[in-house]
């Protein structure tokens, strides 16, 4: 009995003496920064994870905030669906905003997805230099991380103007609520990250397909300079991408975009979001969010080519507007590639024929499961960057050289614009049709200061003739439609509850 007491006492003494050590031991069966970020493979996996939020972002929200929030696309009101929803508020320029914040769900999700990327990247950048593995691989991974942070902050600054600037991992609640950085501070950080990424990353020929490249980083940086009207810097970067990075226009505009299983990351692709059809969870379903409704299985089948077509009766979003359709010149090959038409027998509208975004309607196997990639930057846009930069420096004749490469592929004659003013308008219009449905139009309106001019006139037409904009007879836009014509969205109200800074 005495021996048992002595043994128990010794065990207790041992546990007491080692209590502090036991409390600080990191569980080896759980992933944490202490056990995970120790090998090259760990950092490769972490960088892969930093790309992941892009899939949801471009499948669900970016097109709402950056394309439907323009005169390019609208929604087809389906009165059978019910009340106006947050997506319609964005399309109607009626996002409820008070005190600089909004409860709109699209705003919240886009904001959070960008910060998911930033948080993952910050963790990588904080630790990667402390682990020894080959320099070439380390530079590639750091470059991708810096590209993704620049990309996310560029999206945030263009959507909100001012947001918190997180550059190191958040380790506690007190670190999470940072003051809003100014637009200029955000621009400076984007420039720094994208410049460093461009220097670290390999070019497209040497990079694994789908990952950020030096050309992609330079293109983001050129886009930043375009937004800032730093025309000489845009010209320099665009010239580098055009001359050195190996991109070319696909001869056929239709082939600039992937199918659901092939033609991904092609010669024109500078950066695109990767999707994969199937059961692994990497698929998208954008076209199902865009197809007009109510649509029968027989009506949807020719659009998707699936073996199990099913009817939908949702609110239809991202429907090409009559304004965009009219913007295509006669003979423009891009029009029929980009826009198709479908007749909906169950529609309550008098005209049951609706346009839809055809260039994303690629045949696939299963309903609601697509694999085509989303184009973020294409070489055609780099050519248009170059044209705009040259023109704004007073060189419209040189600008025409690059503009006409895009027009020639579209089957159009050379531009007739000769002055700086006429060339500026020609490039602005060319961007609209070349990059239609690629989430560019809203940012083109804001950076050129034309929101109130163009959206004001567009909104007046919608309210004057709702039936031309896909409203059933008797249905009209809400009373507050086209009343919030600000360049920036309000910050998400849910996030404002967690910080004193907005």
Protein backbone atom coordinates (compact mmCIF):
# COMPACT_ATOMS: atom_id res chain seq x y z
CA UNK A 1 0.00 0.00 0.00
CA UNK A 2 2.83 2.37 0.94
CA UNK A 3 4.53 1.67 -2.39
CA UNK A 4 1.33 2.64 -4.22
CA UNK A 5 1.14 6.00 -2.37
CA UNK A 6 4.80 6.73 -3.12
CA UNK A 7 4.29 5.98 -6.82
CA UNK A 8 1.22 8.22 -6.97
CA UNK A 9 3.12 11.04 -5.25
CA UNK A 10 6.06 10.73 -7.65
CA UNK A 11 3.71 10.83 -10.66
CA UNK A 12 2.01 13.94 -9.30
CA UNK A 13 5.37 15.61 -8.74
CA UNK A 14 6.48 14.78 -12.26
CA UNK A 15 3.29 16.16 -13.80
CA UNK A 16 3.54 19.32 -11.73
CA UNK A 17 7.14 19.93 -12.69
CA UNK A 18 6.38 19.51 -16.39
CA UNK A 19 3.05 21.32 -16.44
CA UNK A 20 4.44 24.34 -18.21
CA UNK A 21 6.08 22.15 -20.86
CA UNK A 22 2.86 20.20 -21.44
CA UNK A 23 0.91 23.44 -21.87
CA UNK A 24 3.24 24.69 -24.59
CA UNK A 25 3.53 21.49 -26.62
CA UNK A 26 2.08 21.82 -30.12
CA UNK A 27 -0.11 18.82 -31.06
CA UNK A 28 1.65 16.95 -33.84
CA UNK A 29 -1.62 15.69 -35.27
CA UNK A 30 -3.07 19.16 -35.86
CA UNK A 31 -2.03 21.66 -38.53
CA UNK A 32 -0.71 24.97 -37.23
CA UNK A 33 1.91 27.52 -38.22
CA UNK A 34 4.30 25.75 -35.84
CA UNK A 35 3.94 22.31 -37.44
CA UNK A 36 2.87 23.08 -41.00
CA UNK A 37 5.14 25.77 -42.47
CA UNK A 38 8.34 23.74 -42.29
CA UNK A 39 8.88 22.35 -45.81
CA UNK A 40 8.74 23.54 -49.40
CA UNK A 41 5.69 21.32 -49.94
CA UNK A 42 3.91 23.08 -47.06
CA UNK A 43 4.37 26.45 -48.72
CA UNK A 44 3.28 25.08 -52.09
CA UNK A 45 0.08 23.83 -50.46
CA UNK A 46 -0.44 27.15 -48.68
CA UNK A 47 -0.07 29.12 -51.91
CA UNK A 48 -2.55 26.79 -53.58
CA UNK A 49 -4.95 27.59 -50.74
CA UNK A 50 -4.51 31.31 -51.29
CA UNK A 51 -5.95 30.98 -54.81
CA UNK A 52 -9.05 29.11 -53.62
CA UNK A 53 -11.31 32.09 -52.68
CA UNK A 54 -11.00 33.37 -56.25
CA UNK A 55 -13.24 30.52 -57.39
CA UNK A 56 -16.19 31.59 -55.27
CA UNK A 57 -15.50 35.26 -55.89
CA UNK A 58 -15.73 35.03 -59.68
CA UNK A 59 -18.48 32.43 -59.69
CA UNK A 60 -20.82 34.33 -57.37
CA UNK A 61 -20.04 37.99 -56.66
CA UNK A 62 -17.51 39.77 -58.88
CA UNK A 63 -19.85 39.86 -61.87
CA UNK A 64 -22.63 41.28 -59.70
CA UNK A 65 -20.57 44.17 -58.35
CA UNK A 66 -18.43 44.85 -61.42
CA UNK A 67 -20.53 43.99 -64.48
CA UNK A 68 -24.22 44.10 -63.52
CA UNK A 69 -23.46 47.35 -61.74
CA UNK A 70 -23.09 49.05 -65.11
CA UNK A 71 -24.96 49.58 -68.36
CA UNK A 72 -23.69 46.29 -69.81
CA UNK A 73 -26.02 43.86 -68.06
CA UNK A 74 -29.23 43.98 -66.05
CA UNK A 75 -31.69 41.44 -64.64
CA UNK A 76 -34.81 39.97 -66.20
CA UNK A 77 -37.53 40.57 -63.64
CA UNK A 78 -39.30 37.34 -62.81
CA UNK A 79 -42.36 38.34 -60.79
CA UNK A 80 -43.01 34.68 -60.00
CA UNK A 81 -39.74 34.64 -58.05
CA UNK A 82 -40.79 37.11 -55.39
CA UNK A 83 -39.38 40.30 -53.89
CA UNK A 84 -36.45 42.32 -55.14
CA UNK A 85 -33.22 40.85 -53.76
CA UNK A 86 -29.76 42.29 -52.93
CA UNK A 87 -28.43 41.48 -56.40
CA UNK A 88 -31.19 43.53 -58.01
CA UNK A 89 -30.30 46.41 -55.69
CA UNK A 90 -26.81 46.38 -57.17
CA UNK A 91 -28.13 46.31 -60.75
CA UNK A 92 -30.62 49.08 -59.93
CA UNK A 93 -27.97 51.35 -58.39
CA UNK A 94 -30.08 51.32 -55.26
CA UNK A 95 -27.77 49.68 -52.71
CA UNK A 96 -29.03 50.88 -49.29
CA UNK A 97 -26.13 52.77 -47.74
CA UNK A 98 -25.97 54.81 -44.54
CA UNK A 99 -22.97 56.25 -42.75
CA UNK A 100 -20.63 54.72 -45.31
CA UNK A 101 -21.80 51.13 -44.74
CA UNK A 102 -24.27 48.78 -46.40
CA UNK A 103 -25.93 45.50 -45.47
CA UNK A 104 -25.82 44.24 -49.06
CA UNK A 105 -24.71 40.61 -49.01
CA UNK A 106 -22.79 40.80 -52.30
CA UNK A 107 -20.59 43.52 -50.84
CA UNK A 108 -19.96 41.53 -47.66
CA UNK A 109 -18.99 38.29 -49.39
CA UNK A 110 -16.68 39.97 -51.92
CA UNK A 111 -14.98 41.91 -49.12
CA UNK A 112 -14.46 38.79 -47.00
CA UNK A 113 -13.18 36.64 -49.86
CA UNK A 114 -10.54 39.23 -50.69
CA UNK A 115 -9.42 39.32 -47.08
CA UNK A 116 -9.30 35.52 -46.94
CA UNK A 117 -6.72 35.68 -49.71
CA UNK A 118 -4.83 38.46 -47.95
CA UNK A 119 -4.80 36.62 -44.62
CA UNK A 120 -3.46 33.43 -46.20
CA UNK A 121 -0.81 35.34 -48.13
CA UNK A 122 0.32 37.28 -45.06
CA UNK A 123 0.88 34.00 -43.21
CA UNK A 124 2.99 32.70 -46.09
CA UNK A 125 5.09 35.85 -46.44
CA UNK A 126 5.70 36.08 -42.69
CA UNK A 127 7.30 32.61 -42.57
CA UNK A 128 8.69 31.64 -45.95
CA UNK A 129 12.11 33.29 -45.57
CA UNK A 130 12.71 31.36 -42.36
CA UNK A 131 12.56 27.98 -44.10
CA UNK A 132 15.43 26.68 -46.21
CA UNK A 133 14.55 25.34 -49.66
CA UNK A 134 15.71 26.08 -53.23
CA UNK A 135 15.75 29.78 -54.10
CA UNK A 136 14.02 29.42 -57.47
CA UNK A 137 11.04 27.65 -55.92
CA UNK A 138 10.93 30.10 -53.01
CA UNK A 139 10.94 33.09 -55.37
CA UNK A 140 8.14 31.57 -57.42
CA UNK A 141 5.98 30.95 -54.35
CA UNK A 142 6.70 34.41 -52.89
CA UNK A 143 5.92 35.98 -56.25
CA UNK A 144 2.57 34.22 -56.44
CA UNK A 145 1.71 35.28 -52.89
CA UNK A 146 2.63 38.91 -53.58
CA UNK A 147 0.65 38.84 -56.82
CA UNK A 148 -2.43 37.56 -55.01
CA UNK A 149 -2.16 40.24 -52.30
CA UNK A 150 -1.76 42.96 -54.92
CA UNK A 151 -4.70 41.53 -56.86
CA UNK A 152 -6.98 41.47 -53.82
CA UNK A 153 -6.10 44.94 -52.61
CA UNK A 154 -6.58 46.28 -56.14
CA UNK A 155 -10.07 44.82 -56.19
CA UNK A 156 -10.82 46.23 -52.74
CA UNK A 157 -9.54 49.74 -53.42
CA UNK A 158 -11.54 50.00 -56.64
CA UNK A 159 -14.69 48.77 -54.91
CA UNK A 160 -14.42 50.72 -51.64
CA UNK A 161 -11.74 53.40 -51.98
CA UNK A 162 -10.53 52.92 -48.40
CA UNK A 163 -10.07 49.63 -46.52
CA UNK A 164 -7.84 48.33 -43.72
CA UNK A 165 -4.31 47.50 -44.89
CA UNK A 166 -3.20 44.21 -43.30
CA UNK A 167 0.35 43.17 -44.14
CA UNK A 168 1.16 40.79 -41.27
CA UNK A 169 -0.82 37.91 -39.79
CA UNK A 170 -3.58 38.80 -37.35
CA UNK A 171 -2.89 36.91 -34.12
CA UNK A 172 -5.57 38.38 -31.87
CA UNK A 173 -8.73 40.43 -31.83
CA UNK A 174 -6.79 43.59 -31.08
CA UNK A 175 -4.88 43.22 -34.38
CA UNK A 176 -7.98 42.74 -36.51
CA UNK A 177 -9.49 46.23 -36.34
CA UNK A 178 -7.07 48.47 -38.24
CA UNK A 179 -7.86 52.03 -39.36
CA UNK A 180 -8.86 52.56 -42.98
CA UNK A 181 -5.88 53.11 -45.23
CA UNK A 182 -6.20 55.93 -47.75
CA UNK A 183 -6.59 55.21 -51.44
CA UNK A 184 -3.06 56.48 -52.00
CA UNK A 185 -1.63 54.17 -49.31
CA UNK A 186 -3.39 51.21 -50.87
CA UNK A 187 -2.14 52.14 -54.33
CA UNK A 188 1.41 52.34 -53.00
CA UNK A 189 1.22 48.86 -51.46
CA UNK A 190 -0.30 47.34 -54.59
CA UNK A 191 2.50 48.90 -56.63
CA UNK A 192 5.13 47.52 -54.25
CA UNK A 193 3.68 44.00 -54.20
CA UNK A 194 3.06 43.79 -57.95
CA UNK A 195 6.52 45.17 -58.77
CA UNK A 196 8.21 42.62 -56.52
CA UNK A 197 5.99 39.82 -57.86
CA UNK A 198 6.91 40.69 -61.45
CA UNK A 199 10.61 40.41 -60.57
CA UNK A 200 10.25 37.08 -58.74
CA UNK A 201 7.84 35.21 -61.01
CA UNK A 202 8.78 33.27 -64.16
CA UNK A 203 7.15 34.09 -67.47
CA UNK A 204 4.30 32.06 -68.90
CA UNK A 205 6.52 29.62 -70.79
CA UNK A 206 8.25 28.56 -67.58
CA UNK A 207 5.32 28.67 -65.14
CA UNK A 208 2.86 25.91 -64.34
CA UNK A 209 -0.39 26.57 -66.19
CA UNK A 210 -2.92 28.56 -64.20
CA UNK A 211 -0.48 30.16 -61.78
CA UNK A 212 0.45 33.84 -61.69
CA UNK A 213 3.30 34.82 -64.00
CA UNK A 214 5.57 37.81 -64.40
CA UNK A 215 3.33 38.93 -67.25
CA UNK A 216 0.25 38.73 -65.03
CA UNK A 217 1.95 40.79 -62.31
CA UNK A 218 3.02 43.42 -64.85
CA UNK A 219 -0.51 43.52 -66.22
CA UNK A 220 -1.99 44.18 -62.76
CA UNK A 221 0.61 46.90 -62.26
CA UNK A 222 -0.22 48.42 -65.65
CA UNK A 223 -3.90 48.38 -64.70
CA UNK A 224 -3.05 50.18 -61.45
CA UNK A 225 -1.12 52.85 -63.37
CA UNK A 226 -4.01 53.13 -65.84
CA UNK A 227 -6.34 53.82 -62.92
CA UNK A 228 -3.90 56.45 -61.64
CA UNK A 229 -3.47 57.95 -65.13
CA UNK A 230 0.28 57.33 -65.05
CA UNK A 231 0.41 56.89 -68.79
CA UNK A 232 4.17 56.60 -69.32
CA UNK A 233 4.37 53.80 -66.76
CA UNK A 234 1.45 52.00 -68.45
CA UNK A 235 3.21 52.23 -71.79
CA UNK A 236 6.48 50.87 -70.40
CA UNK A 237 4.85 47.85 -68.77
CA UNK A 238 2.50 47.07 -71.62
CA UNK A 239 5.42 47.21 -74.05
CA UNK A 240 7.33 44.70 -71.89
CA UNK A 241 4.38 42.30 -71.85
CA UNK A 242 3.81 42.70 -75.59
CA UNK A 243 7.47 42.30 -76.49
CA UNK A 244 8.82 39.79 -74.01
CA UNK A 245 6.12 37.67 -72.40
CA UNK A 246 5.01 35.45 -75.26
CA UNK A 247 1.30 36.24 -75.50
CA UNK A 248 -0.62 36.40 -78.78
CA UNK A 249 -4.22 36.96 -79.83
CA UNK A 250 -6.08 33.77 -80.60
CA UNK A 251 -7.03 34.03 -84.30
CA UNK A 252 -10.69 33.32 -83.46
CA UNK A 253 -12.27 35.42 -80.68
CA UNK A 254 -14.36 32.41 -79.67
CA UNK A 255 -11.17 30.53 -78.82
CA UNK A 256 -9.95 33.23 -76.47
CA UNK A 257 -12.20 31.56 -73.89
CA UNK A 258 -11.89 28.05 -72.56
CA UNK A 259 -14.38 25.28 -72.95
CA UNK A 260 -15.41 23.38 -69.86
CA UNK A 261 -12.59 20.84 -70.37
CA UNK A 262 -10.08 22.33 -72.85
CA UNK A 263 -8.36 25.42 -74.27
CA UNK A 264 -7.53 26.66 -70.77
CA UNK A 265 -4.71 29.15 -70.14
CA UNK A 266 -4.27 29.52 -73.90
CA UNK A 267 -1.85 31.84 -75.72
CA UNK A 268 -4.07 34.88 -75.12
CA UNK A 269 -4.66 34.19 -71.43
CA UNK A 270 -2.65 36.37 -69.05
CA UNK A 271 -4.52 35.26 -65.93
CA UNK A 272 -7.71 33.28 -65.48
CA UNK A 273 -9.58 31.65 -62.62
CA UNK A 274 -9.29 27.86 -62.71
CA UNK A 275 -12.38 25.66 -62.60
CA UNK A 276 -12.75 21.92 -63.17
CA UNK A 277 -15.93 20.13 -64.05
CA UNK A 278 -16.73 17.12 -61.90
CA UNK A 279 -17.21 15.98 -58.32
CA UNK A 280 -13.95 17.24 -56.78
CA UNK A 281 -15.51 20.56 -55.74
CA UNK A 282 -13.53 22.76 -58.15
CA UNK A 283 -16.41 23.39 -60.55
CA UNK A 284 -18.34 26.56 -61.27
CA UNK A 285 -21.91 27.18 -62.41
CA UNK A 286 -21.84 30.76 -63.68
CA UNK A 287 -23.96 30.15 -66.76
CA UNK A 288 -26.81 28.88 -64.57
CA UNK A 289 -26.71 32.17 -62.69
CA UNK A 290 -26.95 34.06 -66.00
CA UNK A 291 -29.52 32.10 -68.01
CA UNK A 292 -32.91 33.84 -68.19
CA UNK A 293 -35.77 32.17 -66.29
CA UNK A 294 -38.25 30.59 -65.99
CA UNK A 295 -36.74 28.21 -68.51
CA UNK A 296 -37.85 24.67 -69.28
CA UNK A 297 -35.57 21.65 -69.57
CA UNK A 298 -36.16 21.59 -73.32
CA UNK A 299 -35.23 25.28 -73.62
CA UNK A 300 -32.08 25.01 -71.52
CA UNK A 301 -30.75 21.83 -73.13
CA UNK A 302 -29.36 23.43 -76.35
CA UNK A 303 -27.56 26.09 -74.25
CA UNK A 304 -25.73 23.71 -71.93
CA UNK A 305 -25.59 20.38 -73.73
CA UNK A 306 -26.01 18.44 -70.50
CA UNK A 307 -27.30 14.90 -70.25
CA UNK A 308 -29.71 15.89 -67.47
CA UNK A 309 -31.16 19.33 -68.32
CA UNK A 310 -33.47 20.69 -65.66
CA UNK A 311 -35.81 23.68 -65.56
CA UNK A 312 -35.03 26.73 -63.44
CA UNK A 313 -37.31 29.44 -62.11
CA UNK A 314 -34.95 31.92 -60.48
CA UNK A 315 -34.47 35.64 -60.78
CA UNK A 316 -32.39 36.08 -63.93
CA UNK A 317 -29.18 38.10 -63.63
CA UNK A 318 -26.39 39.44 -65.84
CA UNK A 319 -28.62 39.73 -68.90
CA UNK A 320 -27.03 41.75 -71.77
CA UNK A 321 -28.71 45.15 -72.08
CA UNK A 322 -30.08 46.61 -75.32
CA UNK A 323 -27.46 49.35 -74.86
CA UNK A 324 -24.57 46.89 -75.01
CA UNK A 325 -26.09 44.97 -77.91
CA UNK A 326 -26.39 48.23 -79.86
CA UNK A 327 -22.74 49.06 -79.14
CA UNK A 328 -21.48 46.36 -81.52
CA UNK A 329 -20.70 47.63 -85.00
CA UNK A 330 -22.17 45.94 -88.03
CA UNK A 331 -20.01 42.95 -88.95
CA UNK A 332 -18.42 42.57 -85.51
CA UNK A 333 -17.77 38.84 -85.11
CA UNK A 334 -17.72 39.19 -81.33
CA UNK A 335 -21.43 39.92 -81.11
CA UNK A 336 -22.72 36.46 -82.06
CA UNK A 337 -19.95 34.78 -80.08
CA UNK A 338 -20.72 36.78 -76.94
CA UNK A 339 -24.52 37.00 -77.04
CA UNK A 340 -27.17 34.43 -77.85
CA UNK A 341 -30.96 34.44 -77.66
CA UNK A 342 -33.46 32.07 -76.08
CA UNK A 343 -37.26 32.02 -76.12
CA UNK A 344 -38.89 31.33 -72.76
CA UNK A 345 -42.36 29.90 -73.15
CA UNK A 346 -43.09 30.43 -69.44
CA UNK A 347 -42.06 34.07 -69.32
CA UNK A 348 -44.66 36.67 -68.31
CA UNK A 349 -43.05 39.27 -70.57
CA UNK A 350 -44.80 40.12 -73.82
CA UNK A 351 -41.55 39.57 -75.72
CA UNK A 352 -40.46 36.15 -74.58
CA UNK A 353 -37.10 36.35 -76.39
CA UNK A 354 -34.15 37.10 -74.11
CA UNK A 355 -30.44 37.61 -74.74
CA UNK A 356 -27.96 35.65 -72.65
CA UNK A 357 -24.17 35.51 -72.26
CA UNK A 358 -23.31 32.95 -74.89
CA UNK A 359 -19.53 33.02 -74.56
CA UNK A 360 -19.80 31.29 -71.16
CA UNK A 361 -22.44 28.77 -72.29
CA UNK A 362 -20.06 25.94 -73.10
CA UNK A 363 -21.31 22.34 -73.36
CA UNK A 364 -20.75 20.25 -70.24
CA UNK A 365 -21.87 16.95 -68.79
CA UNK A 366 -24.02 17.66 -65.74
CA UNK A 367 -26.55 20.28 -64.74
CA UNK A 368 -25.09 23.08 -62.53
CA UNK A 369 -21.54 21.76 -62.93
CA UNK A 370 -19.22 23.60 -65.32
CA UNK A 371 -15.48 23.75 -65.78
CA UNK A 372 -14.68 26.66 -68.09
CA UNK A 373 -12.17 29.11 -66.67
CA UNK A 374 -12.99 32.76 -66.04
CA UNK A 375 -10.85 35.24 -68.01
CA UNK A 376 -9.44 37.97 -65.75
CA UNK A 377 -6.76 39.42 -68.02
CA UNK A 378 -6.33 38.66 -71.70
CA UNK A 379 -3.64 39.85 -74.11
CA UNK A 380 -6.30 41.82 -75.98
CA UNK A 381 -6.67 44.02 -72.92
CA UNK A 382 -2.91 44.58 -72.76
CA UNK A 383 -3.09 45.87 -76.35
CA UNK A 384 -5.90 48.21 -75.33
CA UNK A 385 -3.87 49.36 -72.30
CA UNK A 386 -1.07 50.25 -74.71
CA UNK A 387 -3.42 52.08 -77.08
CA UNK A 388 -4.90 54.15 -74.25
CA UNK A 389 -1.51 55.00 -72.76
CA UNK A 390 -0.14 56.18 -76.08
CA UNK A 391 -3.21 58.22 -76.90
CA UNK A 392 -3.23 59.96 -73.53
CA UNK A 393 0.35 61.00 -74.22
CA UNK A 394 -0.76 62.68 -77.43
CA UNK A 395 0.12 59.86 -79.85
CA UNK A 396 -3.20 58.77 -81.38
CA UNK A 397 -1.62 57.45 -84.59
CA UNK A 398 0.60 55.08 -82.58
CA UNK A 399 -2.38 54.12 -80.44
CA UNK A 400 -4.29 53.07 -83.57
CA UNK A 401 -1.70 50.36 -84.28
CA UNK A 402 -2.65 48.49 -81.11
CA UNK A 403 -6.36 49.24 -81.25
CA UNK A 404 -6.54 47.92 -84.79
CA UNK A 405 -5.01 44.57 -83.84
CA UNK A 406 -8.07 43.98 -81.67
CA UNK A 407 -10.46 45.28 -84.32
CA UNK A 408 -8.93 43.20 -87.10
CA UNK A 409 -9.48 40.00 -85.13
CA UNK A 410 -13.13 41.06 -84.70
CA UNK A 411 -13.54 41.40 -88.48
CA UNK A 412 -13.71 45.20 -88.40
CA UNK A 413 -11.99 47.85 -90.46
CA UNK A 414 -9.29 50.05 -88.99
CA UNK A 415 -10.50 52.81 -86.69
CA UNK A 416 -11.34 56.16 -88.24
CA UNK A 417 -10.34 58.02 -85.09
CA UNK A 418 -7.43 60.39 -85.64
CA UNK A 419 -7.54 63.02 -82.89
CA UNK A 420 -6.83 62.37 -79.24
CA UNK A 421 -10.49 63.00 -78.34
CA UNK A 422 -11.95 60.70 -81.00
CA UNK A 423 -9.35 58.02 -80.26
CA UNK A 424 -10.14 58.20 -76.54
CA UNK A 425 -13.80 57.49 -77.28
CA UNK A 426 -12.92 54.74 -79.77
CA UNK A 427 -10.79 52.92 -77.19
CA UNK A 428 -13.47 53.34 -74.52
CA UNK A 429 -16.07 51.79 -76.84
CA UNK A 430 -13.71 49.02 -77.97
CA UNK A 431 -13.07 47.99 -74.37
CA UNK A 432 -16.81 47.68 -73.85
CA UNK A 433 -17.41 45.13 -76.60
CA UNK A 434 -14.07 43.32 -76.50
CA UNK A 435 -14.22 42.80 -72.74
CA UNK A 436 -17.99 42.46 -72.33
CA UNK A 437 -19.02 40.26 -69.37
CA UNK A 438 -15.44 40.13 -68.03
CA UNK A 439 -16.13 42.50 -65.10
CA UNK A 440 -14.40 45.54 -66.62
CA UNK A 441 -17.18 48.00 -67.38
CA UNK A 442 -17.83 49.36 -63.87
CA UNK A 443 -14.17 50.09 -63.28
CA UNK A 444 -13.92 51.78 -66.69
CA UNK A 445 -16.78 54.06 -65.71
CA UNK A 446 -15.28 54.97 -62.33
CA UNK A 447 -11.69 55.56 -63.47
CA UNK A 448 -12.84 57.80 -66.33
CA UNK A 449 -15.26 59.76 -64.12
CA UNK A 450 -18.28 58.89 -66.27
CA UNK A 451 -20.60 57.14 -63.79
CA UNK A 452 -23.16 59.92 -63.43
CA UNK A 453 -23.09 60.77 -67.14
CA UNK A 454 -23.52 57.25 -68.49
CA UNK A 455 -25.49 55.54 -65.72
CA UNK A 456 -27.73 58.58 -65.31
CA UNK A 457 -28.75 58.37 -68.97
CA UNK A 458 -29.01 54.58 -68.88
CA UNK A 459 -31.22 54.66 -65.76
CA UNK A 460 -33.54 57.17 -67.38
CA UNK A 461 -34.06 54.80 -70.31
CA UNK A 462 -34.76 51.83 -68.03
CA UNK A 463 -37.39 53.78 -66.09
CA UNK A 464 -38.96 55.22 -69.23
CA UNK A 465 -39.32 51.85 -70.95
CA UNK A 466 -39.08 48.93 -68.48
CA UNK A 467 -40.38 46.40 -71.00
CA UNK A 468 -37.32 47.00 -73.19
CA UNK A 469 -35.24 46.01 -70.17
CA UNK A 470 -36.95 42.67 -69.53
CA UNK A 471 -39.76 43.68 -67.17
CA UNK A 472 -43.12 41.95 -67.66
CA UNK A 473 -45.99 44.23 -68.57
CA UNK A 474 -47.02 46.25 -65.52
CA UNK A 475 -43.77 45.63 -63.63
CA UNK A 476 -41.39 48.52 -63.12
CA UNK A 477 -38.05 49.18 -61.39
CA UNK A 478 -38.29 50.11 -57.69
CA UNK A 479 -38.78 53.79 -56.80
CA UNK A 480 -35.19 54.16 -55.59
CA UNK A 481 -33.65 52.72 -58.77
CA UNK A 482 -30.67 54.70 -60.09
CA UNK A 483 -30.44 56.97 -57.06
CA UNK A 484 -27.06 55.79 -55.68
CA UNK A 485 -24.51 56.78 -58.33
CA UNK A 486 -21.39 56.74 -56.15
CA UNK A 487 -18.00 55.57 -57.40
CA UNK A 488 -17.54 53.32 -54.37
CA UNK A 489 -19.69 50.87 -52.44
CA UNK A 490 -20.32 51.32 -48.75
CA UNK A 491 -18.26 49.05 -46.52
CA UNK A 492 -20.03 45.94 -45.19
CA UNK A 493 -22.21 46.70 -42.18
CA UNK A 494 -21.50 43.33 -40.54
CA UNK A 495 -17.79 44.14 -40.52
CA UNK A 496 -18.47 47.61 -39.14
CA UNK A 497 -19.82 45.98 -35.98
CA UNK A 498 -16.36 44.52 -35.37
CA UNK A 499 -14.29 47.68 -35.73
CA UNK A 500 -14.52 51.31 -34.54
CA UNK A 501 -12.91 52.55 -37.75
CA UNK A 502 -15.90 52.32 -40.12
